[in-house]
Amino acid sequence: MNVFTAFMEKPENVRFATQEPGEKIIFVLRRHFITNFGWIFFSILGLILPVFYMQYSLDNPETMQFIPSNLENTFIIAWYVVDLIYVIERFITWYFNVYIVTDRRVIDIDFVPLFQKRISEATYANVEDTSFSMNNLFQTIFNYGDVFMQTAAEKREFDFHDVPNPSIVQDKISNLAAAAGNRGE
């Protein structure tokens, strides 16, 4: 299993904390990896900016002489540490925000670094309506979008944001909800 995978169908050797005996995982989903490009771009920009600053400082020593070199070095190191913390936080948020579709229920795990996790779930008997949307050119080109579920449960709406193959996910959830309704669950 690739760390950067955002769409896993019937994954082998994947378990989660509240999994019931005999419950089979159908999909494990994360936001499409392309949605990370914004923060990746700014992180790379954050790595490059101090290089431009140092080059400017070397080319124009008379304008930068009011800043002591040890303070300048401390600032640059602090800048890189903050950039690294930002990268780690964004990656962890993406990696641990997971949507799970099993043969019995849908589960939304929202992870807020560093100390908060919220888990919501709904059985298919409570799923009343499902839909998906792909709202812009990037979503259409890269085949990702949002899947929406209306439920009769305590949490009225489940939204899977920016997941790959939203039509496949929505169709499978719809079929499982219909099957649960036919069984009278």
C-alpha atoms as a PDB file:
ATOM      1  CA  MET A   1       0.000   0.000   0.000  1.00  0.00           C
ATOM      2  CA  ASN A   2       1.428   3.339  -1.094  1.00  0.00           C
ATOM      3  CA  VAL A   3       1.508   6.105   1.537  1.00  0.00           C
ATOM      4  CA  PHE A   4       0.146   8.587  -0.998  1.00  0.00           C
ATOM      5  CA  THR A   5      -2.835   6.455  -2.036  1.00  0.00           C
ATOM      6  CA  ALA A   6      -6.145   8.281  -1.766  1.00  0.00           C
ATOM      7  CA  PHE A   7      -8.412   5.511  -3.113  1.00  0.00           C
ATOM      8  CA  MET A   8      -8.126   1.940  -1.877  1.00  0.00           C
ATOM      9  CA  GLU A   9     -10.705  -0.597  -2.969  1.00  0.00           C
ATOM     10  CA  LYS A  10     -11.050  -3.706  -0.784  1.00  0.00           C
ATOM     11  CA  PRO A  11      -7.645  -3.138   0.829  1.00  0.00           C
ATOM     12  CA  GLU A  12      -5.791  -6.112   2.250  1.00  0.00           C
ATOM     13  CA  ASN A  13      -4.369  -5.956   5.787  1.00  0.00           C
ATOM     14  CA  VAL A  14      -6.165  -2.718   6.684  1.00  0.00           C
ATOM     15  CA  ARG A  15      -8.024  -2.522   9.993  1.00  0.00           C
ATOM     16  CA  PHE A  16      -9.542   0.265  12.069  1.00  0.00           C
ATOM     17  CA  ALA A  17     -10.243   0.606  15.778  1.00  0.00           C
ATOM     18  CA  THR A  18     -14.037   0.185  15.743  1.00  0.00           C
ATOM     19  CA  GLN A  19     -14.160  -2.543  13.101  1.00  0.00           C
ATOM     20  CA  GLU A  20     -16.669  -5.230  14.011  1.00  0.00           C
ATOM     21  CA  PRO A  21     -15.963  -8.959  13.600  1.00  0.00           C
ATOM     22  CA  GLY A  22     -16.641  -9.998  10.007  1.00  0.00           C
ATOM     23  CA  GLU A  23     -17.014  -6.411   8.781  1.00  0.00           C
ATOM     24  CA  LYS A  24     -15.381  -5.997   5.383  1.00  0.00           C
ATOM     25  CA  ILE A  25     -13.782  -2.763   4.206  1.00  0.00           C
ATOM     26  CA  ILE A  26     -14.908  -1.767   0.716  1.00  0.00           C
ATOM     27  CA  PHE A  27     -13.155   1.604   0.334  1.00  0.00           C
ATOM     28  CA  VAL A  28     -10.602   3.591   2.289  1.00  0.00           C
ATOM     29  CA  LEU A  29     -10.568   7.146   0.971  1.00  0.00           C
ATOM     30  CA  ARG A  30      -8.616  10.334   1.521  1.00  0.00           C
ATOM     31  CA  ARG A  31      -8.739  13.643  -0.258  1.00  0.00           C
ATOM     32  CA  HIS A  32      -7.227  13.317  -3.738  1.00  0.00           C
ATOM     33  CA  PHE A  33      -3.470  13.865  -3.561  1.00  0.00           C
ATOM     34  CA  ILE A  34      -3.698  16.728  -6.053  1.00  0.00           C
ATOM     35  CA  THR A  35      -5.477  18.765  -3.348  1.00  0.00           C
ATOM     36  CA  ASN A  36      -2.135  18.902  -1.510  1.00  0.00           C
ATOM     37  CA  PHE A  37      -0.385  20.842  -4.250  1.00  0.00           C
ATOM     38  CA  GLY A  38      -1.309  24.239  -2.772  1.00  0.00           C
ATOM     39  CA  TRP A  39       0.470  23.691   0.527  1.00  0.00           C
ATOM     40  CA  ILE A  40       3.305  21.817  -1.206  1.00  0.00           C
ATOM     41  CA  PHE A  41       3.854  24.837  -3.472  1.00  0.00           C
ATOM     42  CA  PHE A  42       3.942  27.244  -0.508  1.00  0.00           C
ATOM     43  CA  SER A  43       6.291  24.922   1.393  1.00  0.00           C
ATOM     44  CA  ILE A  44       8.716  24.868  -1.523  1.00  0.00           C
ATOM     45  CA  LEU A  45       8.398  28.633  -1.775  1.00  0.00           C
ATOM     46  CA  GLY A  46       9.192  28.757   1.956  1.00  0.00           C
ATOM     47  CA  LEU A  47      12.367  26.770   1.303  1.00  0.00           C
ATOM     48  CA  ILE A  48      13.463  29.055  -1.528  1.00  0.00           C
ATOM     49  CA  LEU A  49      12.760  32.481   0.028  1.00  0.00           C
ATOM     50  CA  PRO A  50      15.683  32.385   2.493  1.00  0.00           C
ATOM     51  CA  VAL A  51      18.019  31.543  -0.401  1.00  0.00           C
ATOM     52  CA  PHE A  52      16.922  34.720  -2.208  1.00  0.00           C
ATOM     53  CA  TYR A  53      17.285  36.663   1.030  1.00  0.00           C
ATOM     54  CA  MET A  54      20.831  35.335   1.567  1.00  0.00           C
ATOM     55  CA  GLN A  55      21.770  36.132  -2.044  1.00  0.00           C
ATOM     56  CA  TYR A  56      20.413  39.664  -1.661  1.00  0.00           C
ATOM     57  CA  SER A  57      22.274  40.008   1.637  1.00  0.00           C
ATOM     58  CA  LEU A  58      25.560  38.937   0.013  1.00  0.00           C
ATOM     59  CA  ASP A  59      25.062  41.201  -3.014  1.00  0.00           C
ATOM     60  CA  ASN A  60      24.104  44.261  -0.906  1.00  0.00           C
ATOM     61  CA  PRO A  61      26.074  44.084   2.364  1.00  0.00           C
ATOM     62  CA  GLU A  62      25.698  47.826   3.020  1.00  0.00           C
ATOM     63  CA  THR A  63      21.880  47.608   3.204  1.00  0.00           C
ATOM     64  CA  MET A  64      21.915  44.551   5.449  1.00  0.00           C
ATOM     65  CA  GLN A  65      24.670  45.558   7.885  1.00  0.00           C
ATOM     66  CA  PHE A  66      22.208  46.607  10.610  1.00  0.00           C
ATOM     67  CA  ILE A  67      21.245  42.935  11.179  1.00  0.00           C
ATOM     68  CA  PRO A  68      23.866  40.956  13.146  1.00  0.00           C
ATOM     69  CA  SER A  69      24.888  37.786  11.301  1.00  0.00           C
ATOM     70  CA  ASN A  70      24.102  35.488  14.256  1.00  0.00           C
ATOM     71  CA  LEU A  71      20.561  36.936  14.435  1.00  0.00           C
ATOM     72  CA  GLU A  72      20.238  36.489  10.684  1.00  0.00           C
ATOM     73  CA  ASN A  73      21.312  32.836  10.963  1.00  0.00           C
ATOM     74  CA  THR A  74      18.889  32.255  13.854  1.00  0.00           C
ATOM     75  CA  PHE A  75      16.057  33.745  11.818  1.00  0.00           C
ATOM     76  CA  ILE A  76      16.835  31.538   8.801  1.00  0.00           C
ATOM     77  CA  ILE A  77      17.006  28.384  10.938  1.00  0.00           C
ATOM     78  CA  ALA A  78      13.725  29.322  12.653  1.00  0.00           C
ATOM     79  CA  TRP A  79      12.172  29.933   9.213  1.00  0.00           C
ATOM     80  CA  TYR A  80      13.134  26.428   8.067  1.00  0.00           C
ATOM     81  CA  VAL A  81      11.873  24.860  11.307  1.00  0.00           C
ATOM     82  CA  VAL A  82       8.494  26.597  10.915  1.00  0.00           C
ATOM     83  CA  ASP A  83       8.334  25.461   7.279  1.00  0.00           C
ATOM     84  CA  LEU A  84       9.094  21.873   8.316  1.00  0.00           C
ATOM     85  CA  ILE A  85       6.434  21.968  11.051  1.00  0.00           C
ATOM     86  CA  TYR A  86       3.936  23.298   8.499  1.00  0.00           C
ATOM     87  CA  VAL A  87       4.740  20.454   6.073  1.00  0.00           C
ATOM     88  CA  ILE A  88       4.408  17.808   8.799  1.00  0.00           C
ATOM     89  CA  GLU A  89       1.114  19.259  10.069  1.00  0.00           C
ATOM     90  CA  ARG A  90      -0.438  19.466   6.588  1.00  0.00           C
ATOM     91  CA  PHE A  91       0.673  15.941   5.644  1.00  0.00           C
ATOM     92  CA  ILE A  92      -0.587  14.437   8.918  1.00  0.00           C
ATOM     93  CA  THR A  93      -3.925  16.204   8.501  1.00  0.00           C
ATOM     94  CA  TRP A  94      -4.279  14.841   4.956  1.00  0.00           C
ATOM     95  CA  TYR A  95      -3.091  11.343   5.849  1.00  0.00           C
ATOM     96  CA  PHE A  96      -5.252  10.793   8.938  1.00  0.00           C
ATOM     97  CA  ASN A  97      -8.495  12.361   7.658  1.00  0.00           C
ATOM     98  CA  VAL A  98      -9.980   9.150   6.323  1.00  0.00           C
ATOM     99  CA  TYR A  99     -13.329   8.058   4.955  1.00  0.00           C
ATOM    100  CA  ILE A 100     -14.128   4.362   5.279  1.00  0.00           C
ATOM    101  CA  VAL A 101     -16.907   2.522   3.469  1.00  0.00           C
ATOM    102  CA  THR A 102     -17.577  -0.970   4.811  1.00  0.00           C
ATOM    103  CA  ASP A 103     -20.236  -3.528   4.028  1.00  0.00           C
ATOM    104  CA  ARG A 104     -22.186  -2.307   7.116  1.00  0.00           C
ATOM    105  CA  ARG A 105     -21.619   1.442   7.481  1.00  0.00           C
ATOM    106  CA  VAL A 106     -19.805   4.600   6.432  1.00  0.00           C
ATOM    107  CA  ILE A 107     -17.240   6.164   8.742  1.00  0.00           C
ATOM    108  CA  ASP A 108     -15.777   9.670   8.656  1.00  0.00           C
ATOM    109  CA  ILE A 109     -12.582  10.122  10.697  1.00  0.00           C
ATOM    110  CA  ASP A 110     -11.619  13.774  11.109  1.00  0.00           C
ATOM    111  CA  PHE A 111      -8.188  14.335  12.596  1.00  0.00           C
ATOM    112  CA  VAL A 112      -7.201  17.750  13.896  1.00  0.00           C
ATOM    113  CA  PRO A 113      -3.532  17.849  14.837  1.00  0.00           C
ATOM    114  CA  LEU A 114      -2.339  17.209  17.331  1.00  0.00           C
ATOM    115  CA  PHE A 115      -4.816  16.191  19.965  1.00  0.00           C
ATOM    116  CA  GLN A 116      -8.292  15.901  18.492  1.00  0.00           C
ATOM    117  CA  LYS A 117     -10.026  13.184  16.514  1.00  0.00           C
ATOM    118  CA  ARG A 118     -13.732  13.014  15.648  1.00  0.00           C
ATOM    119  CA  ILE A 119     -15.300   9.822  14.335  1.00  0.00           C
ATOM    120  CA  SER A 120     -18.784   9.839  12.808  1.00  0.00           C
ATOM    121  CA  GLU A 121     -20.552   6.827  11.404  1.00  0.00           C
ATOM    122  CA  ALA A 122     -23.891   5.875   9.898  1.00  0.00           C
ATOM    123  CA  THR A 123     -25.351   2.505   9.027  1.00  0.00           C
ATOM    124  CA  TYR A 124     -26.806   2.033   5.565  1.00  0.00           C
ATOM    125  CA  ALA A 125     -30.307   1.700   7.024  1.00  0.00           C
ATOM    126  CA  ASN A 126     -29.986   5.388   8.007  1.00  0.00           C
ATOM    127  CA  VAL A 127     -28.727   6.578   4.611  1.00  0.00           C
ATOM    128  CA  GLU A 128     -31.656   8.239   2.850  1.00  0.00           C
ATOM    129  CA  ASP A 129     -30.015   9.883  -0.155  1.00  0.00           C
ATOM    130  CA  THR A 130     -26.601  10.011  -1.808  1.00  0.00           C
ATOM    131  CA  SER A 131     -25.159  12.326  -4.425  1.00  0.00           C
ATOM    132  CA  PHE A 132     -21.816  13.529  -5.698  1.00  0.00           C
ATOM    133  CA  SER A 133     -20.493  16.672  -7.314  1.00  0.00           C
ATOM    134  CA  MET A 134     -17.475  17.656  -9.364  1.00  0.00           C
ATOM    135  CA  ASN A 135     -17.493  21.448  -9.395  1.00  0.00           C
ATOM    136  CA  ASN A 136     -14.537  22.652 -11.417  1.00  0.00           C
ATOM    137  CA  LEU A 137     -12.169  21.849 -14.250  1.00  0.00           C
ATOM    138  CA  PHE A 138      -9.487  20.305 -12.002  1.00  0.00           C
ATOM    139  CA  GLN A 139     -12.009  17.977 -10.388  1.00  0.00           C
ATOM    140  CA  THR A 140     -13.222  16.885 -13.803  1.00  0.00           C
ATOM    141  CA  ILE A 141      -9.720  16.389 -15.232  1.00  0.00           C
ATOM    142  CA  PHE A 142      -8.381  14.509 -12.200  1.00  0.00           C
ATOM    143  CA  ASN A 143     -11.682  12.709 -11.436  1.00  0.00           C
ATOM    144  CA  TYR A 144     -12.282  13.765  -7.869  1.00  0.00           C
ATOM    145  CA  GLY A 145     -15.147  15.445  -6.072  1.00  0.00           C
ATOM    146  CA  ASP A 146     -17.464  15.425  -3.089  1.00  0.00           C
ATOM    147  CA  VAL A 147     -19.844  12.639  -2.068  1.00  0.00           C
ATOM    148  CA  PHE A 148     -22.861  13.666   0.016  1.00  0.00           C
ATOM    149  CA  MET A 149     -25.099  11.428   2.105  1.00  0.00           C
ATOM    150  CA  GLN A 150     -28.303  12.472   3.850  1.00  0.00           C
ATOM    151  CA  THR A 151     -29.005  10.298   6.869  1.00  0.00           C
ATOM    152  CA  ALA A 152     -31.718   9.772   9.430  1.00  0.00           C
ATOM    153  CA  ALA A 153     -29.024   9.360  12.079  1.00  0.00           C
ATOM    154  CA  GLU A 154     -27.855  11.853  14.693  1.00  0.00           C
ATOM    155  CA  LYS A 155     -25.436  13.370  12.198  1.00  0.00           C
ATOM    156  CA  ARG A 156     -27.742  14.415   9.341  1.00  0.00           C
ATOM    157  CA  GLU A 157     -25.119  14.773   6.624  1.00  0.00           C
ATOM    158  CA  PHE A 158     -21.968  12.940   5.717  1.00  0.00           C
ATOM    159  CA  ASP A 159     -19.664  14.679   3.283  1.00  0.00           C
ATOM    160  CA  PHE A 160     -16.629  13.006   1.771  1.00  0.00           C
ATOM    161  CA  HIS A 161     -14.629  15.935   0.393  1.00  0.00           C
ATOM    162  CA  ASP A 162     -12.390  15.769  -2.691  1.00  0.00           C
ATOM    163  CA  VAL A 163     -12.316  11.969  -2.921  1.00  0.00           C
ATOM    164  CA  PRO A 164     -11.129  10.183  -6.073  1.00  0.00           C
ATOM    165  CA  ASN A 165     -13.764   8.474  -8.238  1.00  0.00           C
ATOM    166  CA  PRO A 166     -16.779  10.083  -6.537  1.00  0.00           C
ATOM    167  CA  SER A 167     -19.268   8.458  -8.921  1.00  0.00           C
ATOM    168  CA  ILE A 168     -18.004   4.968  -8.037  1.00  0.00           C
ATOM    169  CA  VAL A 169     -18.105   5.727  -4.298  1.00  0.00           C
ATOM    170  CA  GLN A 170     -21.592   7.263  -4.482  1.00  0.00           C
ATOM    171  CA  ASP A 171     -22.900   4.367  -6.571  1.00  0.00           C
ATOM    172  CA  LYS A 172     -21.546   1.749  -4.146  1.00  0.00           C
ATOM    173  CA  ILE A 173     -22.958   3.551  -1.085  1.00  0.00           C
ATOM    174  CA  SER A 174     -26.309   3.915  -2.861  1.00  0.00           C
ATOM    175  CA  ASN A 175     -26.392   0.196  -3.672  1.00  0.00           C
ATOM    176  CA  LEU A 176     -25.477  -0.773  -0.099  1.00  0.00           C
ATOM    177  CA  ALA A 177     -28.149   1.570   1.312  1.00  0.00           C
ATOM    178  CA  ALA A 178     -30.765   0.123  -1.062  1.00  0.00           C
ATOM    179  CA  ALA A 179     -29.773  -3.424  -0.084  1.00  0.00           C
ATOM    180  CA  ALA A 180     -30.045  -2.507   3.610  1.00  0.00           C
ATOM    181  CA  GLY A 181     -33.499  -1.033   2.955  1.00  0.00           C
ATOM    182  CA  ASN A 182     -34.609  -4.198   1.154  1.00  0.00           C
ATOM    183  CA  ARG A 183     -33.428  -6.321   4.083  1.00  0.00           C
ATOM    184  CA  GLY A 184     -35.352  -4.081   6.485  1.00  0.00           C
ATOM    185  CA  GLU A 185     -32.314  -3.219   8.597  1.00  0.00           C
END
